Amino acid sequence: MWIGFTVLAAYAPLAARVTDDASWLFSVAIASLLAVVLIADDAESRRVTRKVPPPSDL
């Protein structure tokens, strides 16, 4: 998802410069949505501690 965010964030200014309409705003909206999901995912993964069971020596 980081690659998608980076591509869309780079594409939006390029599309705004090339096109005359406001279709580049769609790229900004999708990049913003991806950013929110990425930030929420990072926050959730840091909040939840992952417990790894100790190795069993049978």
PDB file of N, CA and C in Angstrom:
ATOM      1  N   MET A   1       0.823  -1.191   0.000  1.00  0.00           N
ATOM      2  CA  MET A   1       0.000   0.000   0.000  1.00  0.00           C
ATOM      3  C   MET A   1       0.864   1.250   0.000  1.00  0.00           C
ATOM      4  N   TRP A   2       2.065   1.151   0.563  1.00  0.00           N
ATOM      5  CA  TRP A   2       2.939   2.330   0.541  1.00  0.00           C
ATOM      6  C   TRP A   2       3.315   2.695  -0.882  1.00  0.00           C
ATOM      7  N   ILE A   3       3.501   1.690  -1.732  1.00  0.00           N
ATOM      8  CA  ILE A   3       3.844   1.962  -3.132  1.00  0.00           C
ATOM      9  C   ILE A   3       2.671   2.638  -3.823  1.00  0.00           C
ATOM     10  N   GLY A   4       1.458   2.161  -3.574  1.00  0.00           N
ATOM     11  CA  GLY A   4       0.272   2.786  -4.166  1.00  0.00           C
ATOM     12  C   GLY A   4       0.098   4.223  -3.719  1.00  0.00           C
ATOM     13  N   PHE A   5       0.328   4.470  -2.426  1.00  0.00           N
ATOM     14  CA  PHE A   5       0.240   5.830  -1.916  1.00  0.00           C
ATOM     15  C   PHE A   5       1.275   6.733  -2.579  1.00  0.00           C
ATOM     16  N   THR A   6       2.497   6.248  -2.698  1.00  0.00           N
ATOM     17  CA  THR A   6       3.566   7.052  -3.303  1.00  0.00           C
ATOM     18  C   THR A   6       3.276   7.349  -4.766  1.00  0.00           C
ATOM     19  N   VAL A   7       2.801   6.356  -5.484  1.00  0.00           N
ATOM     20  CA  VAL A   7       2.485   6.561  -6.904  1.00  0.00           C
ATOM     21  C   VAL A   7       1.352   7.564  -7.066  1.00  0.00           C
ATOM     22  N   LEU A   8       0.295   7.414  -6.281  1.00  0.00           N
ATOM     23  CA  LEU A   8      -0.821   8.354  -6.390  1.00  0.00           C
ATOM     24  C   LEU A   8      -0.445   9.754  -5.935  1.00  0.00           C
ATOM     25  N   ALA A   9       0.381   9.847  -4.912  1.00  0.00           N
ATOM     26  CA  ALA A   9       0.817  11.165  -4.451  1.00  0.00           C
ATOM     27  C   ALA A   9       1.690  11.858  -5.488  1.00  0.00           C
ATOM     28  N   ALA A  10       2.468  11.092  -6.228  1.00  0.00           N
ATOM     29  CA  ALA A  10       3.295  11.679  -7.283  1.00  0.00           C
ATOM     30  C   ALA A  10       2.485  11.949  -8.551  1.00  0.00           C
ATOM     31  N   TYR A  11       1.456  11.143  -8.789  1.00  0.00           N
ATOM     32  CA  TYR A  11       0.653  11.281 -10.004  1.00  0.00           C
ATOM     33  C   TYR A  11      -0.260  12.511  -9.963  1.00  0.00           C
ATOM     34  N   ALA A  12      -0.767  12.853  -8.810  1.00  0.00           N
ATOM     35  CA  ALA A  12      -1.738  13.943  -8.705  1.00  0.00           C
ATOM     36  C   ALA A  12      -1.183  15.283  -9.196  1.00  0.00           C
ATOM     37  N   PRO A  13      -0.005  15.730  -8.781  1.00  0.00           N
ATOM     38  CA  PRO A  13       0.505  17.003  -9.314  1.00  0.00           C
ATOM     39  C   PRO A  13       0.816  16.932 -10.806  1.00  0.00           C
ATOM     40  N   LEU A  14       1.275  15.769 -11.247  1.00  0.00           N
ATOM     41  CA  LEU A  14       1.552  15.599 -12.677  1.00  0.00           C
ATOM     42  C   LEU A  14       0.264  15.683 -13.490  1.00  0.00           C
ATOM     43  N   ALA A  15      -0.782  15.020 -13.028  1.00  0.00           N
ATOM     44  CA  ALA A  15      -2.063  15.056 -13.728  1.00  0.00           C
ATOM     45  C   ALA A  15      -2.672  16.455 -13.690  1.00  0.00           C
ATOM     46  N   ALA A  16      -2.483  17.166 -12.602  1.00  0.00           N
ATOM     47  CA  ALA A  16      -3.012  18.532 -12.507  1.00  0.00           C
ATOM     48  C   ALA A  16      -2.329  19.447 -13.504  1.00  0.00           C
ATOM     49  N   ARG A  17      -1.061  19.215 -13.746  1.00  0.00           N
ATOM     50  CA  ARG A  17      -0.327  20.043 -14.689  1.00  0.00           C
ATOM     51  C   ARG A  17      -0.683  19.724 -16.136  1.00  0.00           C
ATOM     52  N   VAL A  18      -0.959  18.434 -16.425  1.00  0.00           N
ATOM     53  CA  VAL A  18      -1.200  17.987 -17.799  1.00  0.00           C
ATOM     54  C   VAL A  18      -2.645  18.206 -18.235  1.00  0.00           C
ATOM     55  N   THR A  19      -3.616  17.967 -17.348  1.00  0.00           N
ATOM     56  CA  THR A  19      -5.029  18.047 -17.734  1.00  0.00           C
ATOM     57  C   THR A  19      -5.623  19.400 -17.354  1.00  0.00           C
ATOM     58  N   ASP A  20      -6.695  19.736 -18.050  1.00  0.00           N
ATOM     59  CA  ASP A  20      -7.391  20.995 -17.778  1.00  0.00           C
ATOM     60  C   ASP A  20      -8.543  20.830 -16.794  1.00  0.00           C
ATOM     61  N   ASP A  21      -9.031  19.593 -16.646  1.00  0.00           N
ATOM     62  CA  ASP A  21     -10.163  19.383 -15.739  1.00  0.00           C
ATOM     63  C   ASP A  21      -9.667  19.047 -14.339  1.00  0.00           C
ATOM     64  N   ALA A  22     -10.587  18.773 -13.466  1.00  0.00           N
ATOM     65  CA  ALA A  22     -10.244  18.513 -12.069  1.00  0.00           C
ATOM     66  C   ALA A  22     -10.234  17.021 -11.742  1.00  0.00           C
ATOM     67  N   SER A  23      -9.955  16.171 -12.731  1.00  0.00           N
ATOM     68  CA  SER A  23      -9.952  14.730 -12.482  1.00  0.00           C
ATOM     69  C   SER A  23      -8.787  14.302 -11.589  1.00  0.00           C
ATOM     70  N   TRP A  24      -7.786  15.123 -11.442  1.00  0.00           N
ATOM     71  CA  TRP A  24      -6.657  14.803 -10.579  1.00  0.00           C
ATOM     72  C   TRP A  24      -7.063  14.792  -9.102  1.00  0.00           C
ATOM     73  N   LEU A  25      -8.193  15.410  -8.784  1.00  0.00           N
ATOM     74  CA  LEU A  25      -8.662  15.399  -7.398  1.00  0.00           C
ATOM     75  C   LEU A  25      -9.028  13.988  -6.932  1.00  0.00           C
ATOM     76  N   PHE A  26      -9.415  13.130  -7.879  1.00  0.00           N
ATOM     77  CA  PHE A  26      -9.714  11.743  -7.537  1.00  0.00           C
ATOM     78  C   PHE A  26      -8.460  11.050  -7.011  1.00  0.00           C
ATOM     79  N   SER A  27      -7.320  11.312  -7.636  1.00  0.00           N
ATOM     80  CA  SER A  27      -6.062  10.731  -7.166  1.00  0.00           C
ATOM     81  C   SER A  27      -5.716  11.230  -5.771  1.00  0.00           C
ATOM     82  N   VAL A  28      -5.977  12.477  -5.504  1.00  0.00           N
ATOM     83  CA  VAL A  28      -5.716  13.038  -4.177  1.00  0.00           C
ATOM     84  C   VAL A  28      -6.623  12.372  -3.142  1.00  0.00           C
ATOM     85  N   ALA A  29      -7.882  12.167  -3.502  1.00  0.00           N
ATOM     86  CA  ALA A  29      -8.824  11.541  -2.576  1.00  0.00           C
ATOM     87  C   ALA A  29      -8.425  10.098  -2.263  1.00  0.00           C
ATOM     88  N   ILE A  30      -8.032   9.343  -3.272  1.00  0.00           N
ATOM     89  CA  ILE A  30      -7.630   7.952  -3.059  1.00  0.00           C
ATOM     90  C   ILE A  30      -6.319   7.885  -2.274  1.00  0.00           C
ATOM     91  N   ALA A  31      -5.372   8.776  -2.579  1.00  0.00           N
ATOM     92  CA  ALA A  31      -4.115   8.809  -1.828  1.00  0.00           C
ATOM     93  C   ALA A  31      -4.381   9.161  -0.364  1.00  0.00           C
ATOM     94  N   SER A  32      -5.317  10.047  -0.112  1.00  0.00           N
ATOM     95  CA  SER A  32      -5.669  10.394   1.261  1.00  0.00           C
ATOM     96  C   SER A  32      -6.289   9.201   1.984  1.00  0.00           C
ATOM     97  N   LEU A  33      -7.144   8.481   1.298  1.00  0.00           N
ATOM     98  CA  LEU A  33      -7.756   7.287   1.880  1.00  0.00           C
ATOM     99  C   LEU A  33      -6.694   6.245   2.211  1.00  0.00           C
ATOM    100  N   LEU A  34      -5.751   6.031   1.305  1.00  0.00           N
ATOM    101  CA  LEU A  34      -4.673   5.091   1.572  1.00  0.00           C
ATOM    102  C   LEU A  34      -3.816   5.544   2.754  1.00  0.00           C
ATOM    103  N   ALA A  35      -3.571   6.841   2.853  1.00  0.00           N
ATOM    104  CA  ALA A  35      -2.772   7.361   3.970  1.00  0.00           C
ATOM    105  C   ALA A  35      -3.471   7.107   5.299  1.00  0.00           C
ATOM    106  N   VAL A  36      -4.777   7.312   5.346  1.00  0.00           N
ATOM    107  CA  VAL A  36      -5.523   7.071   6.587  1.00  0.00           C
ATOM    108  C   VAL A  36      -5.471   5.597   6.968  1.00  0.00           C
ATOM    109  N   VAL A  37      -5.619   4.718   5.992  1.00  0.00           N
ATOM    110  CA  VAL A  37      -5.574   3.279   6.268  1.00  0.00           C
ATOM    111  C   VAL A  37      -4.182   2.870   6.737  1.00  0.00           C
ATOM    112  N   LEU A  38      -3.146   3.395   6.105  1.00  0.00           N
ATOM    113  CA  LEU A  38      -1.780   3.057   6.504  1.00  0.00           C
ATOM    114  C   LEU A  38      -1.467   3.541   7.913  1.00  0.00           C
ATOM    115  N   ILE A  39      -1.883   4.740   8.246  1.00  0.00           N
ATOM    116  CA  ILE A  39      -1.641   5.281   9.584  1.00  0.00           C
ATOM    117  C   ILE A  39      -2.411   4.480  10.628  1.00  0.00           C
ATOM    118  N   ALA A  40      -3.657   4.135  10.323  1.00  0.00           N
ATOM    119  CA  ALA A  40      -4.449   3.338  11.262  1.00  0.00           C
ATOM    120  C   ALA A  40      -3.849   1.947  11.444  1.00  0.00           C
ATOM    121  N   ASP A  41      -3.358   1.357  10.372  1.00  0.00           N
ATOM    122  CA  ASP A  41      -2.744   0.038  10.450  1.00  0.00           C
ATOM    123  C   ASP A  41      -1.465   0.080  11.279  1.00  0.00           C
ATOM    124  N   ASP A  42      -0.654   1.096  11.082  1.00  0.00           N
ATOM    125  CA  ASP A  42       0.568   1.244  11.879  1.00  0.00           C
ATOM    126  C   ASP A  42       0.244   1.438  13.353  1.00  0.00           C
ATOM    127  N   ALA A  43      -0.746   2.266  13.640  1.00  0.00           N
ATOM    128  CA  ALA A  43      -1.124   2.511  15.030  1.00  0.00           C
ATOM    129  C   ALA A  43      -1.667   1.236  15.684  1.00  0.00           C
ATOM    130  N   GLU A  44      -2.456   0.483  14.956  1.00  0.00           N
ATOM    131  CA  GLU A  44      -3.032  -0.750  15.506  1.00  0.00           C
ATOM    132  C   GLU A  44      -1.952  -1.803  15.727  1.00  0.00           C
ATOM    133  N   SER A  45      -1.018  -1.918  14.806  1.00  0.00           N
ATOM    134  CA  SER A  45       0.017  -2.932  14.971  1.00  0.00           C
ATOM    135  C   SER A  45       0.963  -2.583  16.116  1.00  0.00           C
ATOM    136  N   ARG A  46       1.133  -1.314  16.413  1.00  0.00           N
ATOM    137  CA  ARG A  46       1.966  -0.928  17.548  1.00  0.00           C
ATOM    138  C   ARG A  46       1.229  -1.068  18.871  1.00  0.00           C
ATOM    139  N   ARG A  47      -0.092  -0.941  18.829  1.00  0.00           N
ATOM    140  CA  ARG A  47      -0.888  -1.033  20.054  1.00  0.00           C
ATOM    141  C   ARG A  47      -1.001  -2.474  20.523  1.00  0.00           C
ATOM    142  N   VAL A  48      -1.192  -3.381  19.613  1.00  0.00           N
ATOM    143  CA  VAL A  48      -1.370  -4.786  19.950  1.00  0.00           C
ATOM    144  C   VAL A  48       0.001  -5.439  20.079  1.00  0.00           C
ATOM    145  N   THR A  49       0.257  -5.994  21.239  1.00  0.00           N
ATOM    146  CA  THR A  49       1.511  -6.707  21.418  1.00  0.00           C
ATOM    147  C   THR A  49       1.326  -8.136  20.939  1.00  0.00           C
ATOM    148  N   ARG A  50       2.215  -8.550  20.122  1.00  0.00           N
ATOM    149  CA  ARG A  50       2.132  -9.911  19.602  1.00  0.00           C
ATOM    150  C   ARG A  50       2.903 -10.830  20.535  1.00  0.00           C
ATOM    151  N   LYS A  51       2.208 -11.791  21.085  1.00  0.00           N
ATOM    152  CA  LYS A  51       2.833 -12.721  22.010  1.00  0.00           C
ATOM    153  C   LYS A  51       3.263 -13.967  21.248  1.00  0.00           C
ATOM    154  N   VAL A  52       4.522 -14.253  21.346  1.00  0.00           N
ATOM    155  CA  VAL A  52       5.064 -15.457  20.723  1.00  0.00           C
ATOM    156  C   VAL A  52       5.244 -16.493  21.811  1.00  0.00           C
ATOM    157  N   PRO A  53       4.653 -17.662  21.621  1.00  0.00           N
ATOM    158  CA  PRO A  53       4.799 -18.689  22.656  1.00  0.00           C
ATOM    159  C   PRO A  53       6.248 -19.165  22.740  1.00  0.00           C
ATOM    160  N   PRO A  54       6.686 -19.501  23.937  1.00  0.00           N
ATOM    161  CA  PRO A  54       8.065 -19.987  24.075  1.00  0.00           C
ATOM    162  C   PRO A  54       8.205 -21.338  23.376  1.00  0.00           C
ATOM    163  N   PRO A  55       9.399 -21.610  22.908  1.00  0.00           N
ATOM    164  CA  PRO A  55       9.598 -22.916  22.246  1.00  0.00           C
ATOM    165  C   PRO A  55       9.410 -24.059  23.233  1.00  0.00           C
ATOM    166  N   SER A  56       8.748 -25.069  22.782  1.00  0.00           N
ATOM    167  CA  SER A  56       8.511 -26.214  23.665  1.00  0.00           C
ATOM    168  C   SER A  56       9.619 -27.252  23.467  1.00  0.00           C
ATOM    169  N   ASP A  57      10.226 -27.624  24.544  1.00  0.00           N
ATOM    170  CA  ASP A  57      11.278 -28.634  24.507  1.00  0.00           C
ATOM    171  C   ASP A  57      10.714 -29.964  24.985  1.00  0.00           C
ATOM    172  N   LEU A  58      10.140 -30.694  24.069  1.00  0.00           N
ATOM    173  CA  LEU A  58       9.532 -31.978  24.446  1.00  0.00           C
ATOM    174  C   LEU A  58      10.509 -33.097  24.326  1.00  0.00           C
TER     175      LEU A  58
END
